[in-house]
Amino acid sequence: MFALLGAGMAAWGLDKWIRFPEARASQFGFEAPLWPAFTLFVVLATAVGVRLLWIAAGRVDDGEDLFAQRHRRRPSDPPPPRDPE
């Protein structure tokens, strides 16, 4: 689902890039084409997100509990075991 959403946004950005190539973004006195940067950002962010979710799904498929070592514990959780010194 995440990949489909990202692909849809990238396709929209590509369409805008083709229709309005003259659109420019400016910040701090610098100008740059708007749509290539937008489309590249969406593609890279989608690729990173899909990779992260793919790795997590593989770990869950292997039987790992991804929440076993969570940092924020609930008051009802037992305290973590201490390392013997």
N, C-alpha and C. Protein backbone atom coordinates (compact mmCIF):
# COMPACT_ATOMS: atom_id res chain seq x y z
N MET A 1 0.82 -1.18 0.00
CA MET A 1 0.00 0.00 0.00
C MET A 1 0.87 1.26 0.00
N PHE A 2 1.94 1.22 0.81
CA PHE A 2 2.86 2.35 0.88
C PHE A 2 3.50 2.60 -0.49
N ALA A 3 3.90 1.52 -1.17
CA ALA A 3 4.52 1.65 -2.49
C ALA A 3 3.53 2.21 -3.51
N LEU A 4 2.27 1.79 -3.43
CA LEU A 4 1.27 2.32 -4.35
C LEU A 4 1.02 3.81 -4.13
N LEU A 5 0.98 4.21 -2.87
CA LEU A 5 0.80 5.62 -2.56
C LEU A 5 1.98 6.45 -3.07
N GLY A 6 3.19 5.96 -2.83
CA GLY A 6 4.38 6.66 -3.30
C GLY A 6 4.44 6.71 -4.82
N ALA A 7 4.09 5.61 -5.48
CA ALA A 7 4.10 5.59 -6.94
C ALA A 7 3.06 6.57 -7.50
N GLY A 8 1.93 6.66 -6.86
CA GLY A 8 0.91 7.61 -7.29
C GLY A 8 1.37 9.05 -7.14
N MET A 9 2.03 9.35 -6.03
CA MET A 9 2.55 10.70 -5.84
C MET A 9 3.66 11.01 -6.84
N ALA A 10 4.52 10.03 -7.12
CA ALA A 10 5.59 10.24 -8.09
C ALA A 10 5.01 10.44 -9.49
N ALA A 11 3.97 9.68 -9.83
CA ALA A 11 3.33 9.84 -11.14
C ALA A 11 2.69 11.22 -11.24
N TRP A 12 2.08 11.70 -10.17
CA TRP A 12 1.49 13.03 -10.16
C TRP A 12 2.58 14.09 -10.35
N GLY A 13 3.69 13.93 -9.64
CA GLY A 13 4.80 14.87 -9.78
C GLY A 13 5.39 14.86 -11.17
N LEU A 14 5.49 13.67 -11.77
CA LEU A 14 5.99 13.56 -13.14
C LEU A 14 5.04 14.24 -14.12
N ASP A 15 3.76 14.06 -13.92
CA ASP A 15 2.76 14.73 -14.77
C ASP A 15 2.89 16.25 -14.66
N LYS A 16 3.05 16.76 -13.45
CA LYS A 16 3.20 18.21 -13.27
C LYS A 16 4.51 18.69 -13.87
N TRP A 17 5.54 17.88 -13.78
CA TRP A 17 6.84 18.22 -14.35
C TRP A 17 6.73 18.37 -15.87
N ILE A 18 5.97 17.49 -16.50
CA ILE A 18 5.79 17.54 -17.96
C ILE A 18 4.89 18.71 -18.34
N ARG A 19 3.81 18.95 -17.58
CA ARG A 19 2.86 20.01 -17.92
C ARG A 19 3.39 21.41 -17.60
N PHE A 20 4.11 21.53 -16.48
CA PHE A 20 4.57 22.85 -16.03
C PHE A 20 6.07 22.83 -15.75
N PRO A 21 6.90 22.67 -16.78
CA PRO A 21 8.35 22.61 -16.53
C PRO A 21 8.93 23.93 -16.05
N GLU A 22 8.19 25.02 -16.21
CA GLU A 22 8.71 26.32 -15.83
C GLU A 22 8.54 26.62 -14.34
N ALA A 23 7.82 25.76 -13.59
CA ALA A 23 7.61 26.00 -12.16
C ALA A 23 8.94 25.95 -11.43
N ARG A 24 9.18 26.95 -10.58
CA ARG A 24 10.44 27.07 -9.88
C ARG A 24 10.17 27.25 -8.39
N ALA A 25 11.08 26.77 -7.59
CA ALA A 25 11.02 26.96 -6.15
C ALA A 25 12.16 27.89 -5.76
N SER A 26 11.91 28.78 -4.82
CA SER A 26 12.98 29.67 -4.37
C SER A 26 13.03 29.68 -2.85
N GLN A 27 14.26 29.72 -2.35
CA GLN A 27 14.46 29.77 -0.91
C GLN A 27 15.82 30.39 -0.65
N PHE A 28 15.87 31.35 0.23
CA PHE A 28 17.11 32.05 0.60
C PHE A 28 17.83 32.62 -0.62
N GLY A 29 17.08 33.07 -1.59
CA GLY A 29 17.68 33.70 -2.76
C GLY A 29 18.11 32.74 -3.86
N PHE A 30 17.94 31.44 -3.65
CA PHE A 30 18.32 30.45 -4.65
C PHE A 30 17.06 29.94 -5.35
N GLU A 31 17.17 29.67 -6.63
CA GLU A 31 16.04 29.12 -7.40
C GLU A 31 16.43 27.79 -7.98
N ALA A 32 15.44 26.90 -8.08
CA ALA A 32 15.66 25.58 -8.66
C ALA A 32 14.34 25.10 -9.25
N PRO A 33 14.41 24.20 -10.22
CA PRO A 33 13.16 23.62 -10.75
C PRO A 33 12.43 22.87 -9.63
N LEU A 34 11.13 23.03 -9.57
CA LEU A 34 10.34 22.45 -8.48
C LEU A 34 10.07 20.97 -8.66
N TRP A 35 9.55 20.56 -9.79
CA TRP A 35 9.03 19.21 -9.96
C TRP A 35 10.09 18.12 -9.96
N PRO A 36 11.29 18.31 -10.55
CA PRO A 36 12.28 17.24 -10.45
C PRO A 36 12.68 16.94 -9.01
N ALA A 37 12.86 17.99 -8.21
CA ALA A 37 13.22 17.78 -6.80
C ALA A 37 12.09 17.09 -6.04
N PHE A 38 10.86 17.51 -6.28
CA PHE A 38 9.71 16.89 -5.61
C PHE A 38 9.61 15.41 -5.97
N THR A 39 9.70 15.12 -7.27
CA THR A 39 9.55 13.74 -7.73
C THR A 39 10.68 12.86 -7.21
N LEU A 40 11.90 13.37 -7.23
CA LEU A 40 13.03 12.60 -6.72
C LEU A 40 12.89 12.34 -5.22
N PHE A 41 12.46 13.35 -4.48
CA PHE A 41 12.26 13.18 -3.05
C PHE A 41 11.21 12.10 -2.77
N VAL A 42 10.09 12.14 -3.49
CA VAL A 42 9.03 11.16 -3.28
C VAL A 42 9.52 9.75 -3.61
N VAL A 43 10.25 9.60 -4.70
CA VAL A 43 10.76 8.28 -5.10
C VAL A 43 11.74 7.75 -4.05
N LEU A 44 12.68 8.58 -3.60
CA LEU A 44 13.65 8.13 -2.60
C LEU A 44 12.99 7.82 -1.26
N ALA A 45 12.07 8.67 -0.81
CA ALA A 45 11.39 8.43 0.46
C ALA A 45 10.54 7.16 0.40
N THR A 46 9.90 6.92 -0.73
CA THR A 46 9.10 5.71 -0.89
C THR A 46 10.00 4.48 -0.88
N ALA A 47 11.13 4.55 -1.56
CA ALA A 47 12.06 3.41 -1.60
C ALA A 47 12.57 3.09 -0.20
N VAL A 48 12.92 4.11 0.57
CA VAL A 48 13.39 3.89 1.94
C VAL A 48 12.28 3.29 2.80
N GLY A 49 11.08 3.83 2.69
CA GLY A 49 9.95 3.30 3.46
C GLY A 49 9.61 1.87 3.12
N VAL A 50 9.60 1.54 1.83
CA VAL A 50 9.30 0.17 1.41
C VAL A 50 10.40 -0.78 1.89
N ARG A 51 11.65 -0.34 1.81
CA ARG A 51 12.76 -1.20 2.29
C ARG A 51 12.62 -1.47 3.79
N LEU A 52 12.31 -0.44 4.55
CA LEU A 52 12.14 -0.60 6.00
C LEU A 52 11.00 -1.57 6.31
N LEU A 53 9.87 -1.39 5.65
CA LEU A 53 8.74 -2.27 5.89
C LEU A 53 9.02 -3.70 5.43
N TRP A 54 9.77 -3.85 4.33
CA TRP A 54 10.12 -5.18 3.83
C TRP A 54 11.02 -5.91 4.82
N ILE A 55 12.00 -5.21 5.38
CA ILE A 55 12.88 -5.82 6.37
C ILE A 55 12.09 -6.22 7.62
N ALA A 56 11.22 -5.33 8.09
CA ALA A 56 10.40 -5.64 9.27
C ALA A 56 9.50 -6.84 9.02
N ALA A 57 8.91 -6.92 7.83
CA ALA A 57 8.04 -8.06 7.52
C ALA A 57 8.84 -9.36 7.49
N GLY A 58 10.06 -9.30 6.98
CA GLY A 58 10.92 -10.50 6.97
C GLY A 58 11.28 -10.94 8.37
N ARG A 59 11.56 -9.97 9.25
CA ARG A 59 11.89 -10.31 10.63
C ARG A 59 10.69 -10.93 11.35
N VAL A 60 9.50 -10.39 11.11
CA VAL A 60 8.30 -10.96 11.71
C VAL A 60 8.04 -12.35 11.15
N ASP A 61 8.25 -12.52 9.86
CA ASP A 61 8.06 -13.82 9.23
C ASP A 61 9.01 -14.87 9.80
N ASP A 62 10.20 -14.45 10.22
CA ASP A 62 11.17 -15.36 10.83
C ASP A 62 10.84 -15.66 12.29
N GLY A 63 9.80 -15.02 12.82
CA GLY A 63 9.35 -15.31 14.18
C GLY A 63 9.85 -14.33 15.23
N GLU A 64 10.50 -13.26 14.83
CA GLU A 64 11.04 -12.31 15.79
C GLU A 64 9.92 -11.41 16.32
N ASP A 65 9.98 -11.12 17.61
CA ASP A 65 9.05 -10.18 18.22
C ASP A 65 9.69 -8.80 18.17
N LEU A 66 9.21 -7.94 17.29
CA LEU A 66 9.83 -6.64 17.09
C LEU A 66 9.64 -5.71 18.28
N PHE A 67 8.72 -6.02 19.18
CA PHE A 67 8.46 -5.16 20.33
C PHE A 67 9.05 -5.72 21.62
N ALA A 68 9.85 -6.76 21.53
CA ALA A 68 10.40 -7.37 22.74
C ALA A 68 11.38 -6.45 23.46
N GLN A 69 12.09 -5.62 22.74
CA GLN A 69 13.10 -4.75 23.33
C GLN A 69 12.68 -3.29 23.30
N ARG A 70 11.38 -3.03 23.36
CA ARG A 70 10.92 -1.64 23.25
C ARG A 70 11.42 -0.81 24.43
N HIS A 71 11.56 0.48 24.22
CA HIS A 71 12.14 1.36 25.23
C HIS A 71 11.09 1.90 26.20
N ARG A 72 9.92 2.17 25.71
CA ARG A 72 8.87 2.71 26.58
C ARG A 72 7.98 1.56 27.04
N ARG A 73 8.18 1.16 28.24
CA ARG A 73 7.40 0.05 28.78
C ARG A 73 6.19 0.57 29.53
N ARG A 74 5.19 -0.26 29.63
CA ARG A 74 3.99 0.09 30.39
C ARG A 74 4.22 -0.25 31.86
N PRO A 75 3.50 0.42 32.77
CA PRO A 75 3.69 0.12 34.20
C PRO A 75 3.36 -1.33 34.54
N SER A 76 2.52 -2.00 33.76
CA SER A 76 2.14 -3.38 34.06
C SER A 76 3.19 -4.39 33.59
N ASP A 77 4.18 -3.95 32.79
CA ASP A 77 5.20 -4.87 32.30
C ASP A 77 6.17 -5.24 33.42
N PRO A 78 6.64 -6.48 33.44
CA PRO A 78 7.64 -6.84 34.43
C PRO A 78 8.96 -6.13 34.13
N PRO A 79 9.76 -5.89 35.14
CA PRO A 79 11.04 -5.21 34.89
C PRO A 79 11.96 -6.09 34.04
N PRO A 80 12.84 -5.49 33.24
CA PRO A 80 13.72 -6.29 32.41
C PRO A 80 14.72 -7.04 33.27
N PRO A 81 15.18 -8.21 32.80
CA PRO A 81 16.16 -8.96 33.60
C PRO A 81 17.48 -8.20 33.68
N ARG A 82 18.11 -8.32 34.86
CA ARG A 82 19.39 -7.63 35.06
C ARG A 82 20.54 -8.55 34.65
N ASP A 83 21.59 -7.93 34.15
CA ASP A 83 22.78 -8.70 33.79
C ASP A 83 23.54 -9.06 35.06
N PRO A 84 23.93 -10.34 35.19
CA PRO A 84 24.72 -10.72 36.37
C PRO A 84 26.13 -10.13 36.24
N GLU A 85 26.61 -9.58 37.35
CA GLU A 85 27.93 -8.96 37.30
C GLU A 85 28.96 -9.77 37.99
